[in-house]
Amino acid sequence: MRMGKMMSILGAAATLSFLVSSFPAVACAGGRPMIRLADFDGGNGGGTSVNLTVRKVTVQPIRAYIGDVIDVEVWIENREDGSETSWAEVYANKKVVAKEMFRWGTPGMERTYKLYIKWDTRGMAPGEYKVKVDVPVFHDVDPFDNDLTMSKPIVLAAPGSGFPGGEQAGGSVTEIDPRYK
């Protein structure tokens, strides 16, 4: 490797190290420091804060046969001024089963976003599934409201079989962040 190229790589690594160590971490999620964008200006208040909240999730049907598609409607609010592209991920028993990318915070856009995510249940095993919707944003000032877990499980049955209690396929469940009830 040429000496000039190696010095350039070392310089870039030193700059990155300085940047990471120079900004205060305000929270930790999964072992990663979360950095508040408002602190990028040295605390003078001129930075951009990011705060997404998963406000409401509706899932239907809550009793379905394997191979059916489950509709997940997600309401997300941008509570600050940031702008970015993020994934909304649907988890079933802690495994991502569906996701959708969306753009939020673009000037002139609404502050509330409604997503329709389809969960194709082909290949799933029969049983109950605890569903959670998560919108991870690395530098969110309040990352603890970026997900919402459904209180009722989704029940998947093998085609041709029945559901517990003799119930029929169908139904829906809506979960709302308590601050919006």
C-alpha atoms as a PDB file:
ATOM      1  CA  MET A   1       0.000   0.000   0.000  1.00  0.00           C
ATOM      2  CA  ARG A   2       1.307   3.435  -0.797  1.00  0.00           C
ATOM      3  CA  MET A   3       2.292   5.650   2.122  1.00  0.00           C
ATOM      4  CA  GLY A   4      -0.082   8.496   1.083  1.00  0.00           C
ATOM      5  CA  LYS A   5      -3.085   6.164   0.938  1.00  0.00           C
ATOM      6  CA  MET A   6      -2.257   4.641   4.330  1.00  0.00           C
ATOM      7  CA  MET A   7      -1.930   8.107   5.905  1.00  0.00           C
ATOM      8  CA  SER A   8      -5.318   9.046   4.423  1.00  0.00           C
ATOM      9  CA  ILE A   9      -6.939   5.949   5.965  1.00  0.00           C
ATOM     10  CA  LEU A  10      -5.325   6.630   9.348  1.00  0.00           C
ATOM     11  CA  GLY A  11      -6.487  10.253   9.191  1.00  0.00           C
ATOM     12  CA  ALA A  12     -10.079   9.198   8.458  1.00  0.00           C
ATOM     13  CA  ALA A  13     -10.009   6.720  11.363  1.00  0.00           C
ATOM     14  CA  ALA A  14      -8.694   9.409  13.727  1.00  0.00           C
ATOM     15  CA  THR A  15     -11.422  11.847  12.606  1.00  0.00           C
ATOM     16  CA  LEU A  16     -14.149   9.231  13.164  1.00  0.00           C
ATOM     17  CA  SER A  17     -12.734   8.406  16.592  1.00  0.00           C
ATOM     18  CA  PHE A  18     -12.775  12.118  17.494  1.00  0.00           C
ATOM     19  CA  LEU A  19     -16.368  12.535  16.302  1.00  0.00           C
ATOM     20  CA  VAL A  20     -17.651   9.544  18.260  1.00  0.00           C
ATOM     21  CA  SER A  21     -15.891  10.599  21.464  1.00  0.00           C
ATOM     22  CA  SER A  22     -16.809  14.302  21.144  1.00  0.00           C
ATOM     23  CA  PHE A  23     -20.588  14.051  21.304  1.00  0.00           C
ATOM     24  CA  PRO A  24     -22.414  13.135  24.499  1.00  0.00           C
ATOM     25  CA  ALA A  25     -24.436   9.940  24.471  1.00  0.00           C
ATOM     26  CA  VAL A  26     -27.911  10.390  25.949  1.00  0.00           C
ATOM     27  CA  ALA A  27     -29.133   6.808  25.980  1.00  0.00           C
ATOM     28  CA  CYS A  28     -28.112   3.298  25.117  1.00  0.00           C
ATOM     29  CA  ALA A  29     -30.061   0.755  23.096  1.00  0.00           C
ATOM     30  CA  GLY A  30     -28.704  -2.673  22.371  1.00  0.00           C
ATOM     31  CA  GLY A  31     -25.241  -1.621  23.513  1.00  0.00           C
ATOM     32  CA  ARG A  32     -25.077   1.232  20.982  1.00  0.00           C
ATOM     33  CA  PRO A  33     -24.771   4.806  22.244  1.00  0.00           C
ATOM     34  CA  MET A  34     -27.655   6.974  21.123  1.00  0.00           C
ATOM     35  CA  ILE A  35     -26.591  10.514  20.173  1.00  0.00           C
ATOM     36  CA  ARG A  36     -28.963  13.463  20.328  1.00  0.00           C
ATOM     37  CA  LEU A  37     -28.642  15.424  17.105  1.00  0.00           C
ATOM     38  CA  ALA A  38     -29.337  18.667  18.956  1.00  0.00           C
ATOM     39  CA  ASP A  39     -25.939  18.205  20.615  1.00  0.00           C
ATOM     40  CA  PHE A  40     -24.102  18.275  17.266  1.00  0.00           C
ATOM     41  CA  ASP A  41     -23.845  22.060  17.490  1.00  0.00           C
ATOM     42  CA  GLY A  42     -22.038  22.053  20.828  1.00  0.00           C
ATOM     43  CA  GLY A  43     -25.217  22.498  22.884  1.00  0.00           C
ATOM     44  CA  ASN A  44     -26.213  25.855  21.367  1.00  0.00           C
ATOM     45  CA  GLY A  45     -29.705  24.609  20.477  1.00  0.00           C
ATOM     46  CA  GLY A  46     -29.311  24.901  16.715  1.00  0.00           C
ATOM     47  CA  GLY A  47     -29.212  21.170  15.958  1.00  0.00           C
ATOM     48  CA  THR A  48     -32.053  18.945  14.825  1.00  0.00           C
ATOM     49  CA  SER A  49     -33.796  16.628  17.276  1.00  0.00           C
ATOM     50  CA  VAL A  50     -35.376  13.365  16.164  1.00  0.00           C
ATOM     51  CA  ASN A  51     -38.287  11.776  18.024  1.00  0.00           C
ATOM     52  CA  LEU A  52     -40.566   9.250  16.313  1.00  0.00           C
ATOM     53  CA  THR A  53     -43.430   7.660  18.227  1.00  0.00           C
ATOM     54  CA  VAL A  54     -45.461   4.580  17.240  1.00  0.00           C
ATOM     55  CA  ARG A  55     -48.895   5.936  18.191  1.00  0.00           C
ATOM     56  CA  LYS A  56     -51.302   3.227  17.099  1.00  0.00           C
ATOM     57  CA  VAL A  57     -51.229  -0.265  15.583  1.00  0.00           C
ATOM     58  CA  THR A  58     -54.187  -2.270  14.252  1.00  0.00           C
ATOM     59  CA  VAL A  59     -53.774  -5.919  13.266  1.00  0.00           C
ATOM     60  CA  GLN A  60     -56.373  -7.978  11.399  1.00  0.00           C
ATOM     61  CA  PRO A  61     -57.299 -10.747  11.260  1.00  0.00           C
ATOM     62  CA  ILE A  62     -56.173 -11.921  14.690  1.00  0.00           C
ATOM     63  CA  ARG A  63     -57.323 -15.477  13.938  1.00  0.00           C
ATOM     64  CA  ALA A  64     -56.016 -16.653  10.583  1.00  0.00           C
ATOM     65  CA  TYR A  65     -54.944 -19.744   8.705  1.00  0.00           C
ATOM     66  CA  ILE A  66     -51.334 -20.322   7.725  1.00  0.00           C
ATOM     67  CA  GLY A  67     -50.934 -18.843   4.258  1.00  0.00           C
ATOM     68  CA  ASP A  68     -53.277 -15.913   4.941  1.00  0.00           C
ATOM     69  CA  VAL A  69     -52.007 -12.344   4.826  1.00  0.00           C
ATOM     70  CA  ILE A  70     -52.299 -10.322   8.037  1.00  0.00           C
ATOM     71  CA  ASP A  71     -52.780  -6.570   7.648  1.00  0.00           C
ATOM     72  CA  VAL A  72     -50.846  -4.338  10.032  1.00  0.00           C
ATOM     73  CA  GLU A  73     -51.819  -0.663  10.041  1.00  0.00           C
ATOM     74  CA  VAL A  74     -49.277   1.580  11.798  1.00  0.00           C
ATOM     75  CA  TRP A  75     -49.610   5.247  12.798  1.00  0.00           C
ATOM     76  CA  ILE A  76     -46.273   6.966  13.441  1.00  0.00           C
ATOM     77  CA  GLU A  77     -45.791  10.544  14.610  1.00  0.00           C
ATOM     78  CA  ASN A  78     -42.735  12.721  14.060  1.00  0.00           C
ATOM     79  CA  ARG A  79     -42.647  14.717  17.321  1.00  0.00           C
ATOM     80  CA  GLU A  80     -39.527  16.761  16.496  1.00  0.00           C
ATOM     81  CA  ASP A  81     -37.901  18.266  13.407  1.00  0.00           C
ATOM     82  CA  GLY A  82     -35.655  15.534  12.007  1.00  0.00           C
ATOM     83  CA  SER A  83     -35.929  13.953   8.586  1.00  0.00           C
ATOM     84  CA  GLU A  84     -34.812  10.520   7.474  1.00  0.00           C
ATOM     85  CA  THR A  85     -35.751   7.224   5.851  1.00  0.00           C
ATOM     86  CA  SER A  86     -36.479   4.394   8.287  1.00  0.00           C
ATOM     87  CA  TRP A  87     -37.888   0.879   8.436  1.00  0.00           C
ATOM     88  CA  ALA A  88     -41.092  -0.027  10.243  1.00  0.00           C
ATOM     89  CA  GLU A  89     -40.597  -3.658  11.288  1.00  0.00           C
ATOM     90  CA  VAL A  90     -43.291  -6.148  12.321  1.00  0.00           C
ATOM     91  CA  TYR A  91     -42.135  -8.816  14.770  1.00  0.00           C
ATOM     92  CA  ALA A  92     -43.955 -12.056  15.606  1.00  0.00           C
ATOM     93  CA  ASN A  93     -42.485 -13.756  18.671  1.00  0.00           C
ATOM     94  CA  LYS A  94     -39.307 -11.638  18.358  1.00  0.00           C
ATOM     95  CA  LYS A  95     -38.713 -12.482  14.683  1.00  0.00           C
ATOM     96  CA  VAL A  96     -39.092  -9.919  11.871  1.00  0.00           C
ATOM     97  CA  VAL A  97     -41.922 -11.151   9.631  1.00  0.00           C
ATOM     98  CA  ALA A  98     -42.593  -7.995   7.585  1.00  0.00           C
ATOM     99  CA  LYS A  99     -41.206  -4.501   7.139  1.00  0.00           C
ATOM    100  CA  GLU A 100     -41.687  -1.357   5.116  1.00  0.00           C
ATOM    101  CA  MET A 101     -39.369   1.546   4.431  1.00  0.00           C
ATOM    102  CA  PHE A 102     -40.788   5.062   4.646  1.00  0.00           C
ATOM    103  CA  ARG A 103     -39.559   8.641   4.453  1.00  0.00           C
ATOM    104  CA  TRP A 104     -40.488  11.012   7.276  1.00  0.00           C
ATOM    105  CA  GLY A 105     -39.872  14.637   8.163  1.00  0.00           C
ATOM    106  CA  THR A 106     -39.595  16.012   4.646  1.00  0.00           C
ATOM    107  CA  PRO A 107     -40.514  19.727   4.687  1.00  0.00           C
ATOM    108  CA  GLY A 108     -44.165  20.305   3.830  1.00  0.00           C
ATOM    109  CA  MET A 109     -45.196  16.753   4.789  1.00  0.00           C
ATOM    110  CA  GLU A 110     -47.581  15.785   7.536  1.00  0.00           C
ATOM    111  CA  ARG A 111     -46.194  14.946  10.967  1.00  0.00           C
ATOM    112  CA  THR A 112     -48.253  11.737  11.206  1.00  0.00           C
ATOM    113  CA  TYR A 113     -47.645   8.788   8.873  1.00  0.00           C
ATOM    114  CA  LYS A 114     -49.949   5.850   8.205  1.00  0.00           C
ATOM    115  CA  LEU A 115     -48.341   2.657   6.910  1.00  0.00           C
ATOM    116  CA  TYR A 116     -50.008  -0.530   5.675  1.00  0.00           C
ATOM    117  CA  ILE A 117     -47.732  -3.518   6.117  1.00  0.00           C
ATOM    118  CA  LYS A 118     -48.624  -7.012   4.892  1.00  0.00           C
ATOM    119  CA  TRP A 119     -47.464 -10.085   6.858  1.00  0.00           C
ATOM    120  CA  ASP A 120     -47.563 -13.200   4.657  1.00  0.00           C
ATOM    121  CA  THR A 121     -47.950 -16.142   7.057  1.00  0.00           C
ATOM    122  CA  ARG A 122     -46.832 -18.825   4.592  1.00  0.00           C
ATOM    123  CA  GLY A 123     -44.250 -21.067   6.241  1.00  0.00           C
ATOM    124  CA  MET A 124     -45.267 -20.146   9.806  1.00  0.00           C
ATOM    125  CA  ALA A 125     -46.076 -22.821  12.367  1.00  0.00           C
ATOM    126  CA  PRO A 126     -49.517 -23.029  13.987  1.00  0.00           C
ATOM    127  CA  GLY A 127     -49.727 -21.260  17.336  1.00  0.00           C
ATOM    128  CA  GLU A 128     -49.964 -17.906  19.087  1.00  0.00           C
ATOM    129  CA  TYR A 129     -47.783 -14.995  18.036  1.00  0.00           C
ATOM    130  CA  LYS A 130     -47.066 -11.887  20.091  1.00  0.00           C
ATOM    131  CA  VAL A 131     -46.836  -9.020  17.578  1.00  0.00           C
ATOM    132  CA  LYS A 132     -44.713  -5.889  18.009  1.00  0.00           C
ATOM    133  CA  VAL A 133     -44.109  -3.016  15.591  1.00  0.00           C
ATOM    134  CA  ASP A 134     -40.750  -1.261  15.914  1.00  0.00           C
ATOM    135  CA  VAL A 135     -39.372   1.812  14.138  1.00  0.00           C
ATOM    136  CA  PRO A 136     -35.708   1.883  15.167  1.00  0.00           C
ATOM    137  CA  VAL A 137     -34.043   5.263  14.723  1.00  0.00           C
ATOM    138  CA  PHE A 138     -30.435   5.349  15.873  1.00  0.00           C
ATOM    139  CA  HIS A 139     -30.382   8.935  17.138  1.00  0.00           C
ATOM    140  CA  ASP A 140     -33.932   9.277  18.513  1.00  0.00           C
ATOM    141  CA  VAL A 141     -34.021  11.469  21.646  1.00  0.00           C
ATOM    142  CA  ASP A 142     -36.658   9.140  23.180  1.00  0.00           C
ATOM    143  CA  PRO A 143     -36.116   5.637  21.734  1.00  0.00           C
ATOM    144  CA  PHE A 144     -38.465   4.073  24.283  1.00  0.00           C
ATOM    145  CA  ASP A 145     -41.614   5.011  22.325  1.00  0.00           C
ATOM    146  CA  ASN A 146     -40.428   3.662  18.969  1.00  0.00           C
ATOM    147  CA  ASP A 147     -42.300   0.374  19.362  1.00  0.00           C
ATOM    148  CA  LEU A 148     -45.721  -0.893  20.357  1.00  0.00           C
ATOM    149  CA  THR A 149     -46.593  -4.457  21.359  1.00  0.00           C
ATOM    150  CA  MET A 150     -50.066  -5.873  20.844  1.00  0.00           C
ATOM    151  CA  SER A 151     -51.870  -7.006  24.011  1.00  0.00           C
ATOM    152  CA  LYS A 152     -53.629  -9.919  22.269  1.00  0.00           C
ATOM    153  CA  PRO A 153     -51.693 -12.591  20.408  1.00  0.00           C
ATOM    154  CA  ILE A 154     -52.369 -13.496  16.782  1.00  0.00           C
ATOM    155  CA  VAL A 155     -53.531 -17.113  16.439  1.00  0.00           C
ATOM    156  CA  LEU A 156     -52.457 -19.055  13.349  1.00  0.00           C
ATOM    157  CA  ALA A 157     -54.078 -22.392  12.600  1.00  0.00           C
ATOM    158  CA  ALA A 158     -53.359 -25.003   9.970  1.00  0.00           C
ATOM    159  CA  PRO A 159     -55.746 -24.761   7.005  1.00  0.00           C
ATOM    160  CA  GLY A 160     -58.861 -26.844   7.658  1.00  0.00           C
ATOM    161  CA  SER A 161     -58.400 -26.927  11.437  1.00  0.00           C
ATOM    162  CA  GLY A 162     -60.282 -24.942  14.053  1.00  0.00           C
ATOM    163  CA  PHE A 163     -59.423 -22.168  16.477  1.00  0.00           C
ATOM    164  CA  PRO A 164     -59.427 -22.405  20.283  1.00  0.00           C
ATOM    165  CA  GLY A 165     -62.885 -21.947  21.796  1.00  0.00           C
ATOM    166  CA  GLY A 166     -64.559 -22.679  18.450  1.00  0.00           C
ATOM    167  CA  GLU A 167     -64.013 -19.109  17.239  1.00  0.00           C
ATOM    168  CA  GLN A 168     -64.041 -18.276  13.553  1.00  0.00           C
ATOM    169  CA  ALA A 169     -61.222 -16.753  11.524  1.00  0.00           C
ATOM    170  CA  GLY A 170     -61.171 -12.962  11.617  1.00  0.00           C
ATOM    171  CA  GLY A 171     -61.257 -10.282  14.273  1.00  0.00           C
ATOM    172  CA  SER A 172     -58.967  -7.336  14.855  1.00  0.00           C
ATOM    173  CA  VAL A 173     -57.060  -5.701  17.673  1.00  0.00           C
ATOM    174  CA  THR A 174     -55.904  -2.110  18.074  1.00  0.00           C
ATOM    175  CA  GLU A 175     -53.229  -0.928  20.477  1.00  0.00           C
ATOM    176  CA  ILE A 176     -52.772   2.799  21.203  1.00  0.00           C
ATOM    177  CA  ASP A 177     -49.867   4.460  22.984  1.00  0.00           C
ATOM    178  CA  PRO A 178     -51.372   5.502  26.361  1.00  0.00           C
ATOM    179  CA  ARG A 179     -50.447   9.156  25.755  1.00  0.00           C
ATOM    180  CA  TYR A 180     -52.917   9.267  22.823  1.00  0.00           C
ATOM    181  CA  LYS A 181     -55.955   7.575  24.399  1.00  0.00           C
END
